[in-house]
Amino acid sequence: METRLMKKQMTAAYQYSYVRLVLNYYTLLETVADEAPQTQQMTEYLKRLNSLIGECISGHEAAGDLLALRKDMTHEVEVLTSYADCFQIFEYILNRMERKFIPSGNTNDGDEAFLKRLMGFITDTSDSAVMNGRIKQIIGQLPVRLTKQKFYSLLMEGLSVYLGSPRENLRDMMYTLRTESMVSLPEGMDEGHKDIYEILQQFKRMDYRNMTFESFEEASAKLSYASQVLTDESGFYVMLQDVINDLCVLMFAKQDAVIDVSEEEFYRSVLSSIQVKLDQEDFTVGEDEFLHQLTQLEGRQEVYYERYLKVEVLKENDESSDGDYIRSMNVDRLLSGSSFAELITEEGRETLSGEESAIVDRSYLDQQAQVYIQELEELFADAPKPVVRAVMAKVLSDLPVYFNSIDEIQEYVRGSFLSCLDRAEKETCMELLEELMDYENKLV
């Protein structure tokens, strides 16, 4: 029974991923043809991937190199994501300074009238998930004028939601808080990113209190440049990772998959044609160069994916070997739609099993929270006040909703506006919240 189930899952995954590999690899060629990789590092990753495609075509095993490349790619995107998180903090600061230099000309109808509309926006849905999402978005845009003690108290209230839940859930939240508040950054952030690393250091040292219009414009231009670099590089690496994931599925599924020889030879021939062009750095793609081959793939991806979705994934029990179960779960993770899903290993599986059996109690929660609070204390010690406020806003918006009633939310929002004596910042916050409400209303 387990053998038959395994063959069905792996065959469907193998066929689907082979088609997807061809299509993703061709898309990569088209992308590189339009714009070559911008950095030496991007070029090197492309060469490594292209070499592995060649191994795949020739039928050679390169599991170690493939998984190593996937790990490197995951780290690279983790670095880029950390940069994006950091620059969001400084974007928050610059946004709230803009009205000091560039008046909007708009007039608002007063704090109480605006508060009433904001509360109406929050409650104008019966879906609690939507309501909570709106509350978190609003908290992330409000002016922050909290003492550190009050901030830490709100942090503890938000984390208390995890009492009685699996420790893994709290661990994931703490990871998010650490990365998005700049207290935990991956190693090697300066490697291959010298320009945006230097821009980040400049933002950390910037004198926001005495900023002039010229320095504000210069900072805004640097932020736009960094954002564009991060967007371009992240998009390229996600594209590479999708091809890598397809190769990983083929690697895990190959020994159990059943596929027609002529079908596999066809896929390999298309891959070979693309691989040669990339290997020779011939990035020209004729209008009809791959039209005939790609036309033959029409509809296959959808059919094979539907077939995969109907297959029951192998369950862990006494009849299934550890190797089969891990391969089955990894294939399912690779096809989950998350390009950077963590793959299971024997060691990681044992650790995860122990983690899943433990729940969060008050002692464990306090221990984890205090470690994080100490990390924040170290960050706040040398950070300018605008940076501290931006980090607080980001942390509070990341936490699960910790209010017990609509009245509590209303009082928190009212207090945020009343405590902000900076007219330019308050005006900006209202504009951003207005944009949020307009955007959400257009989606309804």
Protein backbone atom coordinates (compact mmCIF):
# COMPACT_ATOMS: atom_id res chain seq x y z
CA MET A 1 0.00 0.00 0.00
CA GLU A 2 2.75 2.45 1.00
CA THR A 3 4.82 1.58 -2.07
CA ARG A 4 1.90 2.19 -4.43
CA LEU A 5 1.06 5.49 -2.72
CA MET A 6 4.69 6.57 -2.90
CA LYS A 7 4.91 5.81 -6.63
CA LYS A 8 1.73 7.75 -7.36
CA GLN A 9 2.90 10.81 -5.43
CA MET A 10 6.41 10.78 -6.85
CA THR A 11 5.29 10.17 -10.44
CA ALA A 12 2.83 13.07 -10.35
CA ALA A 13 5.42 15.33 -8.69
CA TYR A 14 8.14 14.27 -11.14
CA GLN A 15 6.04 14.93 -14.25
CA TYR A 16 4.74 18.26 -12.95
CA SER A 17 8.16 19.49 -11.87
CA TYR A 18 9.81 18.46 -15.12
CA VAL A 19 7.36 20.57 -17.11
CA ARG A 20 7.69 23.43 -14.63
CA LEU A 21 11.49 23.17 -14.78
CA VAL A 22 11.47 23.63 -18.56
CA LEU A 23 9.10 26.61 -18.34
CA ASN A 24 10.95 28.25 -15.42
CA TYR A 25 14.31 27.71 -17.07
CA TYR A 26 13.07 29.29 -20.30
CA THR A 27 11.66 32.24 -18.32
CA LEU A 28 15.08 32.64 -16.72
CA LEU A 29 16.69 32.75 -20.17
CA GLU A 30 14.22 35.40 -21.33
CA THR A 31 14.86 37.47 -18.21
CA VAL A 32 18.64 37.32 -18.61
CA ALA A 33 18.23 38.13 -22.31
CA ASP A 34 16.37 41.33 -21.36
CA GLU A 35 18.80 42.31 -18.61
CA ALA A 36 22.02 40.54 -17.67
CA PRO A 37 22.77 39.85 -13.98
CA GLN A 38 23.75 43.12 -12.26
CA THR A 39 26.47 41.78 -9.96
CA GLN A 40 29.31 39.27 -10.12
CA GLN A 41 27.65 37.31 -7.34
CA MET A 42 24.41 36.95 -9.33
CA THR A 43 26.43 35.80 -12.34
CA GLU A 44 28.25 33.17 -10.26
CA TYR A 45 24.99 31.76 -8.90
CA LEU A 46 23.62 31.55 -12.44
CA LYS A 47 26.72 29.63 -13.55
CA ARG A 48 26.39 27.19 -10.65
CA LEU A 49 22.76 26.54 -11.50
CA ASN A 50 23.53 26.12 -15.17
CA SER A 51 26.19 23.56 -14.32
CA LEU A 52 23.69 21.58 -12.25
CA ILE A 53 21.20 21.63 -15.12
CA GLY A 54 23.93 20.08 -17.24
CA GLU A 55 24.39 17.34 -14.62
CA CYS A 56 20.64 16.72 -14.64
CA ILE A 57 20.54 16.41 -18.42
CA SER A 58 23.44 13.94 -18.42
CA GLY A 59 21.80 11.88 -15.67
CA HIS A 60 24.57 12.43 -13.10
CA GLU A 61 23.80 12.71 -9.40
CA ALA A 62 24.69 16.06 -7.86
CA ALA A 63 22.53 16.05 -4.75
CA GLY A 64 25.14 17.60 -2.49
CA ASP A 65 25.89 20.49 -4.84
CA LEU A 66 22.19 21.07 -5.50
CA LEU A 67 21.24 21.26 -1.81
CA ALA A 68 24.29 23.45 -1.13
CA LEU A 69 23.18 25.89 -3.84
CA ARG A 70 19.65 25.94 -2.41
CA LYS A 71 21.06 26.69 1.03
CA ASP A 72 23.23 29.52 -0.35
CA MET A 73 20.28 30.95 -2.26
CA THR A 74 18.10 30.84 0.85
CA HIS A 75 20.79 32.69 2.81
CA GLU A 76 21.15 35.27 0.05
CA VAL A 77 17.43 36.06 0.11
CA GLU A 78 17.50 36.10 3.91
CA VAL A 79 20.17 38.81 3.69
CA LEU A 80 18.15 40.81 1.16
CA THR A 81 15.01 40.45 3.29
CA SER A 82 16.94 41.73 6.30
CA TYR A 83 18.06 44.74 4.29
CA ALA A 84 14.44 45.38 3.28
CA ASP A 85 13.32 45.14 6.92
CA CYS A 86 16.02 47.61 7.98
CA PHE A 87 15.18 50.11 5.26
CA GLN A 88 11.48 49.91 6.20
CA ILE A 89 12.48 51.31 9.59
CA PHE A 90 14.18 54.29 7.96
CA GLU A 91 11.39 54.72 5.41
CA TYR A 92 9.02 55.08 8.40
CA ILE A 93 11.22 57.91 9.70
CA LEU A 94 11.57 59.76 6.38
CA ASN A 95 7.84 59.47 5.67
CA ARG A 96 7.09 61.28 8.93
CA MET A 97 9.56 64.06 8.13
CA GLU A 98 8.30 64.78 4.62
CA ARG A 99 5.66 67.34 5.64
CA LYS A 100 8.33 69.43 7.35
CA PHE A 101 9.78 70.17 3.93
CA ILE A 102 6.92 69.52 1.47
CA PRO A 103 3.52 70.81 2.67
CA SER A 104 0.55 68.83 1.37
CA GLY A 105 -1.93 71.70 1.26
CA ASN A 106 -4.61 69.37 2.59
CA THR A 107 -6.70 70.12 5.66
CA ASN A 108 -8.13 67.46 7.93
CA ASP A 109 -11.43 67.58 9.78
CA GLY A 110 -9.95 67.23 13.27
CA ASP A 111 -8.63 64.37 15.38
CA GLU A 112 -12.01 63.20 16.70
CA ALA A 113 -13.70 63.18 13.30
CA PHE A 114 -10.75 61.30 11.82
CA LEU A 115 -10.76 58.85 14.75
CA LYS A 116 -14.45 58.17 14.17
CA ARG A 117 -13.83 57.30 10.52
CA LEU A 118 -10.85 55.16 11.46
CA MET A 119 -12.90 53.17 13.98
CA GLY A 120 -15.65 52.78 11.40
CA PHE A 121 -13.08 51.35 9.01
CA ILE A 122 -11.91 48.83 11.62
CA THR A 123 -15.41 47.61 12.50
CA ASP A 124 -16.81 47.64 8.97
CA THR A 125 -16.29 43.89 8.57
CA SER A 126 -17.64 40.76 10.19
CA ASP A 127 -14.44 38.82 9.44
CA SER A 128 -12.29 38.83 12.59
CA ALA A 129 -9.12 38.05 10.59
CA VAL A 130 -9.72 41.08 8.36
CA MET A 131 -10.46 43.25 11.40
CA ASN A 132 -7.27 42.14 13.15
CA GLY A 133 -5.28 42.77 10.01
CA ARG A 134 -6.62 46.32 9.81
CA ILE A 135 -5.84 46.95 13.48
CA LYS A 136 -2.23 45.83 12.97
CA GLN A 137 -1.82 48.00 9.87
CA ILE A 138 -3.17 51.03 11.73
CA ILE A 139 -0.89 50.44 14.73
CA GLY A 140 2.06 50.33 12.35
CA GLN A 141 1.27 53.84 11.07
CA LEU A 142 0.32 55.64 14.30
CA PRO A 143 2.69 58.11 15.99
CA VAL A 144 4.65 56.42 18.79
CA ARG A 145 5.20 58.30 22.03
CA LEU A 146 5.65 55.45 24.50
CA THR A 147 8.04 55.05 27.39
CA LYS A 148 10.16 51.93 27.09
CA GLN A 149 8.35 50.45 30.11
CA LYS A 150 4.94 50.93 28.45
CA PHE A 151 6.27 49.52 25.18
CA TYR A 152 7.63 46.41 26.91
CA SER A 153 4.31 46.00 28.72
CA LEU A 154 2.45 46.01 25.37
CA LEU A 155 5.03 43.58 23.99
CA MET A 156 4.34 41.15 26.83
CA GLU A 157 0.58 41.49 26.32
CA GLY A 158 0.95 40.61 22.65
CA LEU A 159 3.21 37.63 23.32
CA SER A 160 0.84 36.31 26.02
CA VAL A 161 -1.41 35.14 23.20
CA TYR A 162 1.03 32.23 22.76
CA LEU A 163 0.47 30.79 26.25
CA GLY A 164 -0.65 27.19 25.84
CA SER A 165 0.36 27.00 22.17
CA PRO A 166 3.25 24.98 20.68
CA ARG A 167 6.67 26.51 21.31
CA GLU A 168 7.35 26.45 17.60
CA ASN A 169 4.68 29.16 17.12
CA LEU A 170 6.34 31.47 19.65
CA ARG A 171 9.74 30.70 18.15
CA ASP A 172 8.50 31.81 14.71
CA MET A 173 7.12 35.05 16.15
CA MET A 174 10.37 35.80 17.99
CA TYR A 175 12.29 35.23 14.75
CA THR A 176 10.01 37.72 12.96
CA LEU A 177 10.36 40.30 15.72
CA ARG A 178 14.15 39.98 15.83
CA THR A 179 14.67 40.28 12.09
CA GLU A 180 12.19 43.13 11.56
CA SER A 181 13.45 45.19 14.52
CA MET A 182 17.14 44.98 13.46
CA VAL A 183 18.29 43.19 16.62
CA SER A 184 19.24 40.03 14.72
CA LEU A 185 20.84 40.36 11.31
CA PRO A 186 22.38 37.54 9.25
CA GLU A 187 26.12 37.24 8.84
CA GLY A 188 27.78 38.51 5.70
CA MET A 189 25.38 41.38 4.97
CA ASP A 190 28.24 43.42 3.50
CA GLU A 191 29.45 40.62 1.21
CA GLY A 192 28.39 41.36 -2.35
CA HIS A 193 26.31 44.36 -1.24
CA LYS A 194 28.91 47.01 -0.44
CA ASP A 195 26.84 49.91 -1.77
CA ILE A 196 23.59 49.25 0.09
CA TYR A 197 25.51 48.18 3.20
CA GLU A 198 27.19 51.59 3.27
CA ILE A 199 23.81 53.30 2.73
CA LEU A 200 22.40 51.35 5.68
CA GLN A 201 25.29 52.45 7.90
CA GLN A 202 24.68 56.06 6.84
CA PHE A 203 21.03 55.82 7.85
CA LYS A 204 22.01 54.41 11.24
CA ARG A 205 24.34 57.39 11.86
CA MET A 206 22.10 60.06 10.36
CA ASP A 207 21.24 63.23 12.32
CA TYR A 208 17.47 63.28 11.86
CA ARG A 209 16.88 66.13 14.32
CA ASN A 210 18.94 68.62 12.27
CA MET A 211 18.06 67.32 8.81
CA THR A 212 17.74 69.95 6.07
CA PHE A 213 15.65 69.80 2.93
CA GLU A 214 18.76 68.93 0.90
CA SER A 215 19.82 66.11 3.22
CA PHE A 216 16.22 64.85 3.30
CA GLU A 217 16.13 64.67 -0.50
CA GLU A 218 19.52 62.95 -0.56
CA ALA A 219 18.37 60.38 2.02
CA SER A 220 15.13 59.78 0.09
CA ALA A 221 17.08 59.20 -3.14
CA LYS A 222 19.39 56.72 -1.41
CA LEU A 223 16.39 54.89 0.03
CA SER A 224 14.78 54.64 -3.42
CA TYR A 225 18.02 53.35 -4.91
CA ALA A 226 18.44 50.70 -2.20
CA SER A 227 14.81 49.60 -2.58
CA GLN A 228 15.22 49.15 -6.33
CA VAL A 229 18.43 47.13 -5.91
CA LEU A 230 16.76 44.86 -3.36
CA THR A 231 13.69 44.39 -5.55
CA ASP A 232 15.76 43.51 -8.63
CA GLU A 233 18.11 41.12 -6.84
CA SER A 234 15.35 39.42 -4.85
CA GLY A 235 13.33 38.82 -7.99
CA PHE A 236 16.33 37.26 -9.72
CA TYR A 237 17.13 34.97 -6.80
CA VAL A 238 13.51 33.84 -6.43
CA MET A 239 13.58 32.92 -10.11
CA LEU A 240 16.76 30.88 -9.60
CA GLN A 241 15.29 29.23 -6.50
CA ASP A 242 12.19 28.11 -8.41
CA VAL A 243 14.42 26.30 -10.90
CA ILE A 244 16.45 24.82 -8.04
CA ASN A 245 13.27 23.60 -6.34
CA ASP A 246 12.16 21.88 -9.54
CA LEU A 247 15.52 20.12 -9.70
CA CYS A 248 15.18 19.10 -6.03
CA VAL A 249 11.78 17.51 -6.69
CA LEU A 250 13.28 15.53 -9.56
CA MET A 251 16.10 14.43 -7.27
CA PHE A 252 13.78 13.28 -4.45
CA ALA A 253 11.18 11.68 -6.73
CA LYS A 254 13.33 10.05 -9.39
CA GLN A 255 13.74 6.60 -7.83
CA ASP A 256 9.98 6.05 -7.49
CA ALA A 257 8.65 7.98 -10.49
CA VAL A 258 7.35 6.23 -13.59
CA ILE A 259 7.60 8.32 -16.76
CA ASP A 260 7.64 7.58 -20.48
CA VAL A 261 11.20 7.58 -21.83
CA SER A 262 10.32 9.70 -24.88
CA GLU A 263 8.62 12.29 -22.66
CA GLU A 264 11.70 12.65 -20.48
CA GLU A 265 13.98 12.83 -23.51
CA PHE A 266 11.86 15.67 -24.89
CA TYR A 267 12.19 17.66 -21.65
CA ARG A 268 15.92 17.08 -21.58
CA SER A 269 16.34 18.23 -25.17
CA VAL A 270 14.62 21.57 -24.45
CA LEU A 271 16.64 22.01 -21.25
CA SER A 272 19.82 21.25 -23.18
CA SER A 273 19.08 23.92 -25.79
CA ILE A 274 18.51 26.54 -23.09
CA GLN A 275 21.51 25.38 -21.08
CA VAL A 276 23.86 25.73 -24.05
CA LYS A 277 22.73 29.31 -24.68
CA LEU A 278 23.21 30.29 -21.04
CA ASP A 279 26.53 28.45 -20.82
CA GLN A 280 27.85 30.29 -23.86
CA GLU A 281 26.34 33.56 -22.58
CA ASP A 282 24.27 33.72 -25.75
CA PHE A 283 21.33 35.62 -24.29
CA THR A 284 19.60 36.25 -27.60
CA VAL A 285 16.22 34.58 -27.92
CA GLY A 286 14.58 34.54 -31.34
CA GLU A 287 10.87 35.21 -31.46
CA ASP A 288 10.01 31.66 -32.59
CA GLU A 289 13.17 29.91 -31.37
CA PHE A 290 11.45 27.78 -28.72
CA LEU A 291 7.87 28.23 -29.89
CA HIS A 292 7.41 24.68 -31.21
CA GLN A 293 8.77 22.99 -28.07
CA LEU A 294 6.88 25.24 -25.66
CA THR A 295 3.64 24.77 -27.56
CA GLN A 296 3.89 21.02 -26.90
CA LEU A 297 3.90 21.75 -23.15
CA GLU A 298 0.60 23.61 -23.20
CA GLY A 299 -1.82 22.21 -20.63
CA ARG A 300 0.58 19.63 -19.20
CA GLN A 301 1.52 21.63 -16.11
CA GLU A 302 -2.12 22.04 -15.07
CA VAL A 303 -2.97 18.39 -15.69
CA TYR A 304 0.02 17.06 -13.74
CA TYR A 305 -0.53 19.46 -10.84
CA GLU A 306 -4.20 18.45 -10.57
CA ARG A 307 -3.03 14.85 -10.51
CA TYR A 308 -0.57 15.62 -7.73
CA LEU A 309 -3.20 17.38 -5.63
CA LYS A 310 -5.41 14.29 -5.76
CA VAL A 311 -2.66 12.03 -4.44
CA GLU A 312 -2.54 11.38 -0.71
CA VAL A 313 0.82 12.29 0.77
CA LEU A 314 2.64 9.47 2.56
CA LYS A 315 1.93 9.48 6.29
CA GLU A 316 4.44 8.64 8.97
CA ASN A 317 3.82 5.20 10.45
CA ASP A 318 5.56 1.98 11.24
CA GLU A 319 5.30 0.72 7.65
CA SER A 320 7.02 3.69 6.02
CA SER A 321 10.78 3.98 6.20
CA ASP A 322 12.33 7.20 7.50
CA GLY A 323 13.91 7.85 4.10
CA ASP A 324 10.63 7.49 2.20
CA TYR A 325 8.74 9.67 4.64
CA ILE A 326 11.35 12.46 4.53
CA ARG A 327 11.45 12.40 0.72
CA SER A 328 7.66 12.50 0.56
CA MET A 329 7.44 15.44 2.96
CA ASN A 330 10.22 17.35 1.21
CA VAL A 331 8.53 16.97 -2.16
CA ASP A 332 5.31 18.26 -0.63
CA ARG A 333 7.15 21.24 0.88
CA LEU A 334 8.86 22.03 -2.42
CA LEU A 335 5.48 22.07 -4.15
CA SER A 336 3.79 24.08 -1.40
CA GLY A 337 4.24 27.40 -3.20
CA SER A 338 6.83 28.66 -0.72
CA SER A 339 10.09 29.00 -2.64
CA PHE A 340 12.23 28.96 0.50
CA ALA A 341 10.41 26.31 2.55
CA GLU A 342 12.80 24.55 4.92
CA LEU A 343 13.54 20.96 3.98
CA ILE A 344 13.46 18.14 6.53
CA THR A 345 16.58 16.28 7.58
CA GLU A 346 16.94 13.38 10.00
CA GLU A 347 18.43 15.65 12.66
CA GLY A 348 15.91 18.41 12.14
CA ARG A 349 13.04 15.95 12.27
CA GLU A 350 14.06 14.71 15.69
CA THR A 351 14.41 18.28 17.00
CA LEU A 352 11.05 19.27 15.55
CA SER A 353 9.28 16.32 17.15
CA GLY A 354 10.50 17.39 20.58
CA GLU A 355 9.56 21.01 19.94
CA GLU A 356 6.05 20.11 18.80
CA SER A 357 5.36 18.16 21.99
CA ALA A 358 6.20 21.16 24.25
CA ILE A 359 3.85 24.06 24.89
CA VAL A 360 4.46 27.65 25.97
CA ASP A 361 3.99 28.21 29.70
CA ARG A 362 4.49 31.47 31.61
CA SER A 363 8.05 30.61 32.60
CA TYR A 364 9.11 29.84 29.02
CA LEU A 365 7.34 32.93 27.66
CA ASP A 366 8.98 35.23 30.22
CA GLN A 367 12.39 33.71 29.52
CA GLN A 368 12.11 34.23 25.74
CA ALA A 369 10.65 37.71 26.10
CA GLN A 370 13.34 38.89 28.52
CA VAL A 371 16.11 37.79 26.18
CA TYR A 372 14.49 39.80 23.38
CA ILE A 373 13.90 42.83 25.62
CA GLN A 374 17.58 42.84 26.53
CA GLU A 375 18.46 42.78 22.84
CA LEU A 376 16.15 45.74 22.25
CA GLU A 377 17.76 47.59 25.16
CA GLU A 378 21.15 47.22 23.50
CA LEU A 379 19.74 48.46 20.18
CA PHE A 380 17.96 51.43 21.77
CA ALA A 381 21.03 52.48 23.77
CA ASP A 382 22.85 53.88 20.71
CA ALA A 383 19.90 54.59 18.41
CA PRO A 384 18.48 58.08 17.71
CA LYS A 385 14.97 58.65 19.08
CA PRO A 386 13.28 58.47 15.63
CA VAL A 387 14.83 55.02 15.10
CA VAL A 388 13.61 53.82 18.51
CA ARG A 389 10.08 54.99 17.70
CA ALA A 390 10.16 53.35 14.27
CA VAL A 391 11.30 50.03 15.76
CA MET A 392 8.58 50.21 18.40
CA ALA A 393 5.93 50.83 15.74
CA LYS A 394 7.17 47.88 13.69
CA VAL A 395 7.23 45.51 16.67
CA LEU A 396 3.74 46.50 17.84
CA SER A 397 2.31 46.00 14.34
CA ASP A 398 3.89 42.53 14.10
CA LEU A 399 2.38 41.26 17.36
CA PRO A 400 -0.96 39.44 17.54
CA VAL A 401 -3.77 41.86 18.39
CA TYR A 402 -3.66 42.35 22.15
CA PHE A 403 -6.71 44.60 22.70
CA ASN A 404 -9.70 43.18 24.54
CA SER A 405 -12.35 45.51 23.14
CA ILE A 406 -13.07 48.16 20.50
CA ASP A 407 -13.03 50.78 23.27
CA GLU A 408 -9.45 49.83 24.14
CA ILE A 409 -8.41 50.20 20.51
CA GLN A 410 -10.11 53.58 20.28
CA GLU A 411 -8.39 54.87 23.40
CA TYR A 412 -5.00 53.65 22.14
CA VAL A 413 -5.46 55.43 18.80
CA ARG A 414 -6.74 58.61 20.48
CA GLY A 415 -3.80 58.58 22.88
CA SER A 416 -1.34 58.16 20.01
CA PHE A 417 -2.66 61.28 18.26
CA LEU A 418 -2.93 63.37 21.44
CA SER A 419 0.60 62.56 22.55
CA CYS A 420 2.11 63.56 19.19
CA LEU A 421 2.90 67.30 19.22
CA ASP A 422 4.76 67.18 15.91
CA ARG A 423 2.19 68.52 13.43
CA ALA A 424 4.14 67.33 10.38
CA GLU A 425 4.37 63.77 11.71
CA LYS A 426 0.69 63.68 12.71
CA GLU A 427 -0.32 65.00 9.29
CA THR A 428 1.75 62.33 7.56
CA CYS A 429 0.29 59.58 9.75
CA MET A 430 -3.24 60.70 8.90
CA GLU A 431 -2.41 60.79 5.19
CA LEU A 432 -0.96 57.26 5.31
CA LEU A 433 -3.99 55.97 7.21
CA GLU A 434 -6.27 57.73 4.71
CA GLU A 435 -4.46 55.96 1.88
CA LEU A 436 -4.84 52.66 3.73
CA MET A 437 -8.59 53.13 4.11
CA ASP A 438 -9.01 54.18 0.47
CA TYR A 439 -7.01 51.19 -0.75
CA GLU A 440 -8.93 48.70 1.39
CA ASN A 441 -12.28 50.16 0.37
CA LYS A 442 -11.38 49.80 -3.29
CA LEU A 443 -10.76 46.08 -2.73
CA VAL A 444 -14.25 45.54 -1.31
